Amino acid sequence: MKLVSLPTTTLALCLLGGPALAHTPLFACYDNGDGTILCEGGFSDGSSAAGVTIRVLDGNGGVLLEDQLNTLSEIEFDKPEGTYTAVFDAGEGHRIEIPGSRILP
């Protein structure tokens, strides 16, 4: 019987455990009650979302706003008229959409 070395076992466990350590995107938006919306983003491992692309889409999917989260991982924008959706887009598997109807004052 051949024994596996401790470094080899440790490396294998680290590689297999990688997906468990992946970060999940977090995104929330709030109606400030003054005609503006504040959205905040982040990741479940505590990493910043500064620079992540945010889009605000109209009811037909047209882009009303495209910008990035600031150094505080926030963005504030004028509340659109009608139906809209705020989209946090940090790449494949890291996209969250919040319909305007779920952003309550």
PDB file of N, CA and C in Angstrom:
ATOM      1  N   MET A   1       0.847  -1.189   0.000  1.00  0.00           N
ATOM      2  CA  MET A   1       0.000   0.000   0.000  1.00  0.00           C
ATOM      3  C   MET A   1       0.880   1.236   0.000  1.00  0.00           C
ATOM      4  N   LYS A   2       0.567   2.180  -0.876  1.00  0.00           N
ATOM      5  CA  LYS A   2       1.362   3.397  -0.993  1.00  0.00           C
ATOM      6  C   LYS A   2       0.704   4.508  -0.178  1.00  0.00           C
ATOM      7  N   LEU A   3       1.474   5.197   0.634  1.00  0.00           N
ATOM      8  CA  LEU A   3       0.957   6.302   1.443  1.00  0.00           C
ATOM      9  C   LEU A   3       1.044   7.605   0.663  1.00  0.00           C
ATOM     10  N   VAL A   4       0.045   8.441   0.807  1.00  0.00           N
ATOM     11  CA  VAL A   4       0.023   9.750   0.156  1.00  0.00           C
ATOM     12  C   VAL A   4       0.640  10.741   1.131  1.00  0.00           C
ATOM     13  N   SER A   5       1.513  11.594   0.642  1.00  0.00           N
ATOM     14  CA  SER A   5       2.184  12.545   1.521  1.00  0.00           C
ATOM     15  C   SER A   5       1.222  13.615   2.024  1.00  0.00           C
ATOM     16  N   LEU A   6       1.529  14.175   3.167  1.00  0.00           N
ATOM     17  CA  LEU A   6       0.703  15.228   3.759  1.00  0.00           C
ATOM     18  C   LEU A   6       0.586  16.442   2.843  1.00  0.00           C
ATOM     19  N   PRO A   7       1.670  16.927   2.219  1.00  0.00           N
ATOM     20  CA  PRO A   7       1.515  18.075   1.310  1.00  0.00           C
ATOM     21  C   PRO A   7       0.578  17.785   0.143  1.00  0.00           C
ATOM     22  N   THR A   8       0.629  16.570  -0.401  1.00  0.00           N
ATOM     23  CA  THR A   8      -0.253  16.207  -1.512  1.00  0.00           C
ATOM     24  C   THR A   8      -1.707  16.197  -1.059  1.00  0.00           C
ATOM     25  N   THR A   9      -1.953  15.636   0.118  1.00  0.00           N
ATOM     26  CA  THR A   9      -3.311  15.590   0.669  1.00  0.00           C
ATOM     27  C   THR A   9      -3.829  16.998   0.926  1.00  0.00           C
ATOM     28  N   THR A  10      -2.991  17.851   1.499  1.00  0.00           N
ATOM     29  CA  THR A  10      -3.388  19.232   1.792  1.00  0.00           C
ATOM     30  C   THR A  10      -3.715  19.980   0.502  1.00  0.00           C
ATOM     31  N   LEU A  11      -2.887  19.819  -0.515  1.00  0.00           N
ATOM     32  CA  LEU A  11      -3.131  20.477  -1.801  1.00  0.00           C
ATOM     33  C   LEU A  11      -4.460  20.008  -2.397  1.00  0.00           C
ATOM     34  N   ALA A  12      -4.716  18.714  -2.362  1.00  0.00           N
ATOM     35  CA  ALA A  12      -5.964  18.180  -2.911  1.00  0.00           C
ATOM     36  C   ALA A  12      -7.165  18.746  -2.169  1.00  0.00           C
ATOM     37  N   LEU A  13      -7.094  18.836  -0.861  1.00  0.00           N
ATOM     38  CA  LEU A  13      -8.206  19.388  -0.076  1.00  0.00           C
ATOM     39  C   LEU A  13      -8.424  20.860  -0.394  1.00  0.00           C
ATOM     40  N   CYS A  14      -7.370  21.597  -0.587  1.00  0.00           N
ATOM     41  CA  CYS A  14      -7.497  23.024  -0.931  1.00  0.00           C
ATOM     42  C   CYS A  14      -8.149  23.198  -2.292  1.00  0.00           C
ATOM     43  N   LEU A  15      -7.749  22.378  -3.257  1.00  0.00           N
ATOM     44  CA  LEU A  15      -8.327  22.482  -4.589  1.00  0.00           C
ATOM     45  C   LEU A  15      -9.795  22.079  -4.600  1.00  0.00           C
ATOM     46  N   LEU A  16     -10.145  21.059  -3.855  1.00  0.00           N
ATOM     47  CA  LEU A  16     -11.532  20.616  -3.787  1.00  0.00           C
ATOM     48  C   LEU A  16     -12.395  21.584  -2.988  1.00  0.00           C
ATOM     49  N   GLY A  17     -11.811  22.261  -2.020  1.00  0.00           N
ATOM     50  CA  GLY A  17     -12.565  23.188  -1.175  1.00  0.00           C
ATOM     51  C   GLY A  17     -12.752  24.549  -1.797  1.00  0.00           C
ATOM     52  N   GLY A  18     -12.109  24.814  -2.936  1.00  0.00           N
ATOM     53  CA  GLY A  18     -12.189  26.123  -3.585  1.00  0.00           C
ATOM     54  C   GLY A  18     -13.597  26.611  -3.820  1.00  0.00           C
ATOM     55  N   PRO A  19     -14.471  25.792  -4.431  1.00  0.00           N
ATOM     56  CA  PRO A  19     -15.833  26.256  -4.688  1.00  0.00           C
ATOM     57  C   PRO A  19     -16.589  26.613  -3.414  1.00  0.00           C
ATOM     58  N   ALA A  20     -16.285  25.964  -2.324  1.00  0.00           N
ATOM     59  CA  ALA A  20     -16.972  26.271  -1.066  1.00  0.00           C
ATOM     60  C   ALA A  20     -16.569  27.641  -0.543  1.00  0.00           C
ATOM     61  N   LEU A  21     -15.403  28.123  -0.980  1.00  0.00           N
ATOM     62  CA  LEU A  21     -14.910  29.407  -0.504  1.00  0.00           C
ATOM     63  C   LEU A  21     -15.300  30.554  -1.445  1.00  0.00           C
ATOM     64  N   ALA A  22     -15.990  30.256  -2.520  1.00  0.00           N
ATOM     65  CA  ALA A  22     -16.373  31.276  -3.497  1.00  0.00           C
ATOM     66  C   ALA A  22     -17.259  32.335  -2.859  1.00  0.00           C
ATOM     67  N   HIS A  23     -17.185  33.535  -3.382  1.00  0.00           N
ATOM     68  CA  HIS A  23     -18.007  34.607  -2.829  1.00  0.00           C
ATOM     69  C   HIS A  23     -19.300  34.771  -3.624  1.00  0.00           C
ATOM     70  N   THR A  24     -20.353  35.052  -2.882  1.00  0.00           N
ATOM     71  CA  THR A  24     -21.674  35.259  -3.463  1.00  0.00           C
ATOM     72  C   THR A  24     -21.932  36.759  -3.545  1.00  0.00           C
ATOM     73  N   PRO A  25     -22.487  37.239  -4.672  1.00  0.00           N
ATOM     74  CA  PRO A  25     -22.779  38.668  -4.755  1.00  0.00           C
ATOM     75  C   PRO A  25     -23.968  39.040  -3.874  1.00  0.00           C
ATOM     76  N   LEU A  26     -23.923  40.245  -3.332  1.00  0.00           N
ATOM     77  CA  LEU A  26     -24.994  40.807  -2.512  1.00  0.00           C
ATOM     78  C   LEU A  26     -25.367  42.157  -3.105  1.00  0.00           C
ATOM     79  N   PHE A  27     -26.665  42.449  -3.175  1.00  0.00           N
ATOM     80  CA  PHE A  27     -27.107  43.705  -3.777  1.00  0.00           C
ATOM     81  C   PHE A  27     -28.442  44.096  -3.160  1.00  0.00           C
ATOM     82  N   ALA A  28     -28.553  45.341  -2.751  1.00  0.00           N
ATOM     83  CA  ALA A  28     -29.799  45.847  -2.165  1.00  0.00           C
ATOM     84  C   ALA A  28     -29.993  47.289  -2.619  1.00  0.00           C
ATOM     85  N   CYS A  29     -31.265  47.662  -2.814  1.00  0.00           N
ATOM     86  CA  CYS A  29     -31.596  49.024  -3.223  1.00  0.00           C
ATOM     87  C   CYS A  29     -32.687  49.574  -2.314  1.00  0.00           C
ATOM     88  N   TYR A  30     -32.622  50.878  -2.078  1.00  0.00           N
ATOM     89  CA  TYR A  30     -33.548  51.550  -1.173  1.00  0.00           C
ATOM     90  C   TYR A  30     -34.075  52.821  -1.818  1.00  0.00           C
ATOM     91  N   ASP A  31     -35.361  53.085  -1.654  1.00  0.00           N
ATOM     92  CA  ASP A  31     -35.974  54.327  -2.108  1.00  0.00           C
ATOM     93  C   ASP A  31     -35.754  55.343  -0.999  1.00  0.00           C
ATOM     94  N   ASN A  32     -35.024  56.414  -1.283  1.00  0.00           N
ATOM     95  CA  ASN A  32     -34.720  57.427  -0.273  1.00  0.00           C
ATOM     96  C   ASN A  32     -35.916  58.310   0.069  1.00  0.00           C
ATOM     97  N   GLY A  33     -36.996  58.207  -0.709  1.00  0.00           N
ATOM     98  CA  GLY A  33     -38.180  59.016  -0.455  1.00  0.00           C
ATOM     99  C   GLY A  33     -38.069  60.448  -0.951  1.00  0.00           C
ATOM    100  N   ASP A  34     -36.973  60.764  -1.635  1.00  0.00           N
ATOM    101  CA  ASP A  34     -36.770  62.119  -2.153  1.00  0.00           C
ATOM    102  C   ASP A  34     -36.602  62.123  -3.669  1.00  0.00           C
ATOM    103  N   GLY A  35     -37.053  61.033  -4.314  1.00  0.00           N
ATOM    104  CA  GLY A  35     -36.914  60.931  -5.764  1.00  0.00           C
ATOM    105  C   GLY A  35     -35.619  60.260  -6.200  1.00  0.00           C
ATOM    106  N   THR A  36     -34.848  59.734  -5.236  1.00  0.00           N
ATOM    107  CA  THR A  36     -33.606  59.038  -5.573  1.00  0.00           C
ATOM    108  C   THR A  36     -33.623  57.625  -5.009  1.00  0.00           C
ATOM    109  N   ILE A  37     -32.814  56.782  -5.615  1.00  0.00           N
ATOM    110  CA  ILE A  37     -32.641  55.391  -5.202  1.00  0.00           C
ATOM    111  C   ILE A  37     -31.169  55.195  -4.826  1.00  0.00           C
ATOM    112  N   LEU A  38     -30.935  54.509  -3.717  1.00  0.00           N
ATOM    113  CA  LEU A  38     -29.577  54.159  -3.283  1.00  0.00           C
ATOM    114  C   LEU A  38     -29.431  52.647  -3.384  1.00  0.00           C
ATOM    115  N   CYS A  39     -28.397  52.187  -4.072  1.00  0.00           N
ATOM    116  CA  CYS A  39     -28.101  50.765  -4.156  1.00  0.00           C
ATOM    117  C   CYS A  39     -26.714  50.502  -3.584  1.00  0.00           C
ATOM    118  N   GLU A  40     -26.585  49.356  -2.909  1.00  0.00           N
ATOM    119  CA  GLU A  40     -25.323  48.942  -2.309  1.00  0.00           C
ATOM    120  C   GLU A  40     -25.003  47.529  -2.777  1.00  0.00           C
ATOM    121  N   GLY A  41     -23.737  47.266  -3.013  1.00  0.00           N
ATOM    122  CA  GLY A  41     -23.324  45.934  -3.426  1.00  0.00           C
ATOM    123  C   GLY A  41     -22.149  45.449  -2.618  1.00  0.00           C
ATOM    124  N   GLY A  42     -21.896  44.173  -2.693  1.00  0.00           N
ATOM    125  CA  GLY A  42     -20.763  43.570  -2.001  1.00  0.00           C
ATOM    126  C   GLY A  42     -20.726  42.084  -2.296  1.00  0.00           C
ATOM    127  N   PHE A  43     -19.873  41.393  -1.557  1.00  0.00           N
ATOM    128  CA  PHE A  43     -19.742  39.953  -1.704  1.00  0.00           C
ATOM    129  C   PHE A  43     -19.740  39.306  -0.330  1.00  0.00           C
ATOM    130  N   SER A  44     -20.227  38.078  -0.274  1.00  0.00           N
ATOM    131  CA  SER A  44     -20.411  37.389   0.996  1.00  0.00           C
ATOM    132  C   SER A  44     -19.111  37.166   1.759  1.00  0.00           C
ATOM    133  N   ASP A  45     -17.974  37.220   1.072  1.00  0.00           N
ATOM    134  CA  ASP A  45     -16.695  37.054   1.765  1.00  0.00           C
ATOM    135  C   ASP A  45     -16.152  38.380   2.293  1.00  0.00           C
ATOM    136  N   GLY A  46     -16.968  39.443   2.170  1.00  0.00           N
ATOM    137  CA  GLY A  46     -16.574  40.758   2.683  1.00  0.00           C
ATOM    138  C   GLY A  46     -15.819  41.612   1.681  1.00  0.00           C
ATOM    139  N   SER A  47     -15.548  41.092   0.488  1.00  0.00           N
ATOM    140  CA  SER A  47     -14.806  41.894  -0.474  1.00  0.00           C
ATOM    141  C   SER A  47     -15.677  42.996  -1.064  1.00  0.00           C
ATOM    142  N   SER A  48     -15.008  44.059  -1.433  1.00  0.00           N
ATOM    143  CA  SER A  48     -15.663  45.249  -1.967  1.00  0.00           C
ATOM    144  C   SER A  48     -16.240  44.984  -3.349  1.00  0.00           C
ATOM    145  N   ALA A  49     -17.301  45.714  -3.663  1.00  0.00           N
ATOM    146  CA  ALA A  49     -17.877  45.664  -5.011  1.00  0.00           C
ATOM    147  C   ALA A  49     -17.610  46.977  -5.749  1.00  0.00           C
ATOM    148  N   ALA A  50     -16.708  47.791  -5.231  1.00  0.00           N
ATOM    149  CA  ALA A  50     -16.364  49.044  -5.903  1.00  0.00           C
ATOM    150  C   ALA A  50     -15.950  48.745  -7.337  1.00  0.00           C
ATOM    151  N   GLY A  51     -16.507  49.505  -8.282  1.00  0.00           N
ATOM    152  CA  GLY A  51     -16.180  49.329  -9.690  1.00  0.00           C
ATOM    153  C   GLY A  51     -17.087  48.363 -10.432  1.00  0.00           C
ATOM    154  N   VAL A  52     -17.962  47.662  -9.702  1.00  0.00           N
ATOM    155  CA  VAL A  52     -18.889  46.740 -10.370  1.00  0.00           C
ATOM    156  C   VAL A  52     -19.896  47.554 -11.183  1.00  0.00           C
ATOM    157  N   THR A  53     -20.212  47.070 -12.377  1.00  0.00           N
ATOM    158  CA  THR A  53     -21.147  47.755 -13.263  1.00  0.00           C
ATOM    159  C   THR A  53     -22.574  47.628 -12.753  1.00  0.00           C
ATOM    160  N   ILE A  54     -23.271  48.759 -12.746  1.00  0.00           N
ATOM    161  CA  ILE A  54     -24.689  48.817 -12.395  1.00  0.00           C
ATOM    162  C   ILE A  54     -25.419  49.381 -13.601  1.00  0.00           C
ATOM    163  N   ARG A  55     -26.512  48.707 -13.968  1.00  0.00           N
ATOM    164  CA  ARG A  55     -27.361  49.211 -15.042  1.00  0.00           C
ATOM    165  C   ARG A  55     -28.772  49.390 -14.494  1.00  0.00           C
ATOM    166  N   VAL A  56     -29.431  50.415 -14.975  1.00  0.00           N
ATOM    167  CA  VAL A  56     -30.850  50.604 -14.685  1.00  0.00           C
ATOM    168  C   VAL A  56     -31.545  50.481 -16.031  1.00  0.00           C
ATOM    169  N   LEU A  57     -32.449  49.504 -16.103  1.00  0.00           N
ATOM    170  CA  LEU A  57     -33.139  49.203 -17.358  1.00  0.00           C
ATOM    171  C   LEU A  57     -34.594  49.633 -17.281  1.00  0.00           C
ATOM    172  N   ASP A  58     -35.139  50.082 -18.407  1.00  0.00           N
ATOM    173  CA  ASP A  58     -36.567  50.412 -18.440  1.00  0.00           C
ATOM    174  C   ASP A  58     -37.367  49.120 -18.628  1.00  0.00           C
ATOM    175  N   GLY A  59     -38.678  49.225 -18.686  1.00  0.00           N
ATOM    176  CA  GLY A  59     -39.551  48.070 -18.807  1.00  0.00           C
ATOM    177  C   GLY A  59     -39.344  47.244 -20.062  1.00  0.00           C
ATOM    178  N   ASN A  60     -38.710  47.825 -21.069  1.00  0.00           N
ATOM    179  CA  ASN A  60     -38.441  47.110 -22.322  1.00  0.00           C
ATOM    180  C   ASN A  60     -37.009  46.579 -22.396  1.00  0.00           C
ATOM    181  N   GLY A  61     -36.254  46.756 -21.316  1.00  0.00           N
ATOM    182  CA  GLY A  61     -34.862  46.300 -21.299  1.00  0.00           C
ATOM    183  C   GLY A  61     -33.867  47.314 -21.811  1.00  0.00           C
ATOM    184  N   GLY A  62     -34.352  48.521 -22.150  1.00  0.00           N
ATOM    185  CA  GLY A  62     -33.449  49.581 -22.600  1.00  0.00           C
ATOM    186  C   GLY A  62     -32.651  50.145 -21.435  1.00  0.00           C
ATOM    187  N   VAL A  63     -31.424  50.540 -21.699  1.00  0.00           N
ATOM    188  CA  VAL A  63     -30.547  51.055 -20.652  1.00  0.00           C
ATOM    189  C   VAL A  63     -30.856  52.529 -20.363  1.00  0.00           C
ATOM    190  N   LEU A  64     -31.279  52.799 -19.122  1.00  0.00           N
ATOM    191  CA  LEU A  64     -31.518  54.177 -18.680  1.00  0.00           C
ATOM    192  C   LEU A  64     -30.252  54.767 -18.068  1.00  0.00           C
ATOM    193  N   LEU A  65     -29.462  53.902 -17.436  1.00  0.00           N
ATOM    194  CA  LEU A  65     -28.239  54.341 -16.750  1.00  0.00           C
ATOM    195  C   LEU A  65     -27.269  53.178 -16.729  1.00  0.00           C
ATOM    196  N   GLU A  66     -26.000  53.466 -16.979  1.00  0.00           N
ATOM    197  CA  GLU A  66     -24.933  52.488 -16.786  1.00  0.00           C
ATOM    198  C   GLU A  66     -23.796  53.215 -16.103  1.00  0.00           C
ATOM    199  N   ASP A  67     -23.390  52.692 -14.958  1.00  0.00           N
ATOM    200  CA  ASP A  67     -22.353  53.335 -14.150  1.00  0.00           C
ATOM    201  C   ASP A  67     -21.680  52.255 -13.316  1.00  0.00           C
ATOM    202  N   GLN A  68     -20.833  52.670 -12.384  1.00  0.00           N
ATOM    203  CA  GLN A  68     -20.148  51.723 -11.506  1.00  0.00           C
ATOM    204  C   GLN A  68     -20.372  52.113 -10.049  1.00  0.00           C
ATOM    205  N   LEU A  69     -20.309  51.101  -9.173  1.00  0.00           N
ATOM    206  CA  LEU A  69     -20.380  51.383  -7.741  1.00  0.00           C
ATOM    207  C   LEU A  69     -19.137  52.176  -7.336  1.00  0.00           C
ATOM    208  N   ASN A  70     -19.327  53.138  -6.431  1.00  0.00           N
ATOM    209  CA  ASN A  70     -18.210  53.980  -5.989  1.00  0.00           C
ATOM    210  C   ASN A  70     -17.321  53.237  -4.987  1.00  0.00           C
ATOM    211  N   THR A  71     -16.377  53.920  -4.399  1.00  0.00           N
ATOM    212  CA  THR A  71     -15.428  53.298  -3.469  1.00  0.00           C
ATOM    213  C   THR A  71     -16.107  52.751  -2.211  1.00  0.00           C
ATOM    214  N   LEU A  72     -17.327  53.196  -1.935  1.00  0.00           N
ATOM    215  CA  LEU A  72     -18.093  52.665  -0.802  1.00  0.00           C
ATOM    216  C   LEU A  72     -19.033  51.538  -1.252  1.00  0.00           C
ATOM    217  N   SER A  73     -18.882  51.111  -2.511  1.00  0.00           N
ATOM    218  CA  SER A  73     -19.735  50.073  -3.118  1.00  0.00           C
ATOM    219  C   SER A  73     -21.196  50.507  -3.165  1.00  0.00           C
ATOM    220  N   GLU A  74     -21.423  51.799  -3.454  1.00  0.00           N
ATOM    221  CA  GLU A  74     -22.773  52.362  -3.524  1.00  0.00           C
ATOM    222  C   GLU A  74     -22.950  53.140  -4.825  1.00  0.00           C
ATOM    223  N   ILE A  75     -24.213  53.351  -5.166  1.00  0.00           N
ATOM    224  CA  ILE A  75     -24.573  54.244  -6.256  1.00  0.00           C
ATOM    225  C   ILE A  75     -25.931  54.849  -5.926  1.00  0.00           C
ATOM    226  N   GLU A  76     -26.087  56.114  -6.244  1.00  0.00           N
ATOM    227  CA  GLU A  76     -27.369  56.786  -6.051  1.00  0.00           C
ATOM    228  C   GLU A  76     -27.788  57.373  -7.394  1.00  0.00           C
ATOM    229  N   PHE A  77     -29.059  57.214  -7.732  1.00  0.00           N
ATOM    230  CA  PHE A  77     -29.543  57.727  -9.010  1.00  0.00           C
ATOM    231  C   PHE A  77     -30.979  58.203  -8.864  1.00  0.00           C
ATOM    232  N   ASP A  78     -31.400  59.061  -9.801  1.00  0.00           N
ATOM    233  CA  ASP A  78     -32.782  59.536  -9.807  1.00  0.00           C
ATOM    234  C   ASP A  78     -33.720  58.376 -10.098  1.00  0.00           C
ATOM    235  N   LYS A  79     -34.803  58.304  -9.352  1.00  0.00           N
ATOM    236  CA  LYS A  79     -35.782  57.237  -9.532  1.00  0.00           C
ATOM    237  C   LYS A  79     -36.456  57.405 -10.888  1.00  0.00           C
ATOM    238  N   PRO A  80     -36.368  56.380 -11.739  1.00  0.00           N
ATOM    239  CA  PRO A  80     -37.006  56.473 -13.059  1.00  0.00           C
ATOM    240  C   PRO A  80     -38.530  56.456 -12.957  1.00  0.00           C
ATOM    241  N   GLU A  81     -39.167  57.054 -13.921  1.00  0.00           N
ATOM    242  CA  GLU A  81     -40.631  56.983 -14.042  1.00  0.00           C
ATOM    243  C   GLU A  81     -40.984  55.599 -14.593  1.00  0.00           C
ATOM    244  N   GLY A  82     -42.089  55.040 -14.173  1.00  0.00           N
ATOM    245  CA  GLY A  82     -42.559  53.769 -14.718  1.00  0.00           C
ATOM    246  C   GLY A  82     -41.771  52.568 -14.227  1.00  0.00           C
ATOM    247  N   THR A  83     -41.854  51.506 -15.015  1.00  0.00           N
ATOM    248  CA  THR A  83     -41.213  50.235 -14.664  1.00  0.00           C
ATOM    249  C   THR A  83     -39.715  50.293 -14.932  1.00  0.00           C
ATOM    250  N   TYR A  84     -38.936  49.789 -13.978  1.00  0.00           N
ATOM    251  CA  TYR A  84     -37.489  49.743 -14.157  1.00  0.00           C
ATOM    252  C   TYR A  84     -36.906  48.598 -13.332  1.00  0.00           C
ATOM    253  N   THR A  85     -35.665  48.247 -13.640  1.00  0.00           N
ATOM    254  CA  THR A  85     -34.937  47.204 -12.924  1.00  0.00           C
ATOM    255  C   THR A  85     -33.513  47.669 -12.701  1.00  0.00           C
ATOM    256  N   ALA A  86     -33.008  47.491 -11.475  1.00  0.00           N
ATOM    257  CA  ALA A  86     -31.608  47.774 -11.163  1.00  0.00           C
ATOM    258  C   ALA A  86     -30.833  46.463 -11.284  1.00  0.00           C
ATOM    259  N   VAL A  87     -29.711  46.497 -12.005  1.00  0.00           N
ATOM    260  CA  VAL A  87     -28.936  45.286 -12.275  1.00  0.00           C
ATOM    261  C   VAL A  87     -27.511  45.455 -11.768  1.00  0.00           C
ATOM    262  N   PHE A  88     -27.080  44.529 -10.906  1.00  0.00           N
ATOM    263  CA  PHE A  88     -25.707  44.419 -10.418  1.00  0.00           C
ATOM    264  C   PHE A  88     -25.040  43.387 -11.311  1.00  0.00           C
ATOM    265  N   ASP A  89     -23.988  43.767 -12.042  1.00  0.00           N
ATOM    266  CA  ASP A  89     -23.374  42.859 -13.009  1.00  0.00           C
ATOM    267  C   ASP A  89     -21.872  42.753 -12.782  1.00  0.00           C
ATOM    268  N   ALA A  90     -21.491  41.745 -11.992  1.00  0.00           N
ATOM    269  CA  ALA A  90     -20.076  41.510 -11.713  1.00  0.00           C
ATOM    270  C   ALA A  90     -19.555  40.326 -12.525  1.00  0.00           C
ATOM    271  N   GLY A  91     -20.247  40.000 -13.614  1.00  0.00           N
ATOM    272  CA  GLY A  91     -19.805  38.911 -14.479  1.00  0.00           C
ATOM    273  C   GLY A  91     -20.659  37.669 -14.322  1.00  0.00           C
ATOM    274  N   GLU A  92     -20.339  36.669 -15.119  1.00  0.00           N
ATOM    275  CA  GLU A  92     -21.112  35.431 -15.150  1.00  0.00           C
ATOM    276  C   GLU A  92     -21.237  34.809 -13.762  1.00  0.00           C
ATOM    277  N   GLY A  93     -22.471  34.508 -13.388  1.00  0.00           N
ATOM    278  CA  GLY A  93     -22.732  33.913 -12.077  1.00  0.00           C
ATOM    279  C   GLY A  93     -22.778  34.926 -10.954  1.00  0.00           C
ATOM    280  N   HIS A  94     -22.545  36.185 -11.268  1.00  0.00           N
ATOM    281  CA  HIS A  94     -22.520  37.243 -10.260  1.00  0.00           C
ATOM    282  C   HIS A  94     -23.395  38.412 -10.705  1.00  0.00           C
ATOM    283  N   ARG A  95     -24.611  38.086 -11.133  1.00  0.00           N
ATOM    284  CA  ARG A  95     -25.548  39.105 -11.614  1.00  0.00           C
ATOM    285  C   ARG A  95     -26.824  39.030 -10.783  1.00  0.00           C
ATOM    286  N   ILE A  96     -27.279  40.188 -10.321  1.00  0.00           N
ATOM    287  CA  ILE A  96     -28.511  40.265  -9.534  1.00  0.00           C
ATOM    288  C   ILE A  96     -29.378  41.365 -10.128  1.00  0.00           C
ATOM    289  N   GLU A  97     -30.659  41.066 -10.291  1.00  0.00           N
ATOM    290  CA  GLU A  97     -31.622  42.048 -10.796  1.00  0.00           C
ATOM    291  C   GLU A  97     -32.666  42.321  -9.723  1.00  0.00           C
ATOM    292  N   ILE A  98     -32.945  43.603  -9.491  1.00  0.00           N
ATOM    293  CA  ILE A  98     -33.985  44.000  -8.543  1.00  0.00           C
ATOM    294  C   ILE A  98     -35.008  44.859  -9.277  1.00  0.00           C
ATOM    295  N   PRO A  99     -36.230  44.341  -9.446  1.00  0.00           N
ATOM    296  CA  PRO A  99     -37.272  45.151 -10.091  1.00  0.00           C
ATOM    297  C   PRO A  99     -37.615  46.361  -9.225  1.00  0.00           C
ATOM    298  N   GLY A 100     -37.879  47.489  -9.875  1.00  0.00           N
ATOM    299  CA  GLY A 100     -38.243  48.699  -9.150  1.00  0.00           C
ATOM    300  C   GLY A 100     -39.447  48.511  -8.238  1.00  0.00           C
ATOM    301  N   SER A 101     -40.346  47.614  -8.604  1.00  0.00           N
ATOM    302  CA  SER A 101     -41.537  47.361  -7.776  1.00  0.00           C
ATOM    303  C   SER A 101     -41.185  46.753  -6.411  1.00  0.00           C
ATOM    304  N   ARG A 102     -39.968  46.231  -6.269  1.00  0.00           N
ATOM    305  CA  ARG A 102     -39.530  45.662  -4.988  1.00  0.00           C
ATOM    306  C   ARG A 102     -38.693  46.640  -4.173  1.00  0.00           C
ATOM    307  N   ILE A 103     -38.459  47.834  -4.729  1.00  0.00           N
ATOM    308  CA  ILE A 103     -37.697  48.867  -4.009  1.00  0.00           C
ATOM    309  C   ILE A 103     -38.721  49.814  -3.399  1.00  0.00           C
ATOM    310  N   LEU A 104     -38.977  49.625  -2.129  1.00  0.00           N
ATOM    311  CA  LEU A 104     -40.041  50.352  -1.454  1.00  0.00           C
ATOM    312  C   LEU A 104     -39.518  51.540  -0.666  1.00  0.00           C
ATOM    313  N   PRO A 105     -40.360  52.601  -0.547  1.00  0.00           N
ATOM    314  CA  PRO A 105     -39.944  53.771   0.257  1.00  0.00           C
ATOM    315  C   PRO A 105     -39.906  53.441   1.747  1.00  0.00           C
TER     316      PRO A 105
END
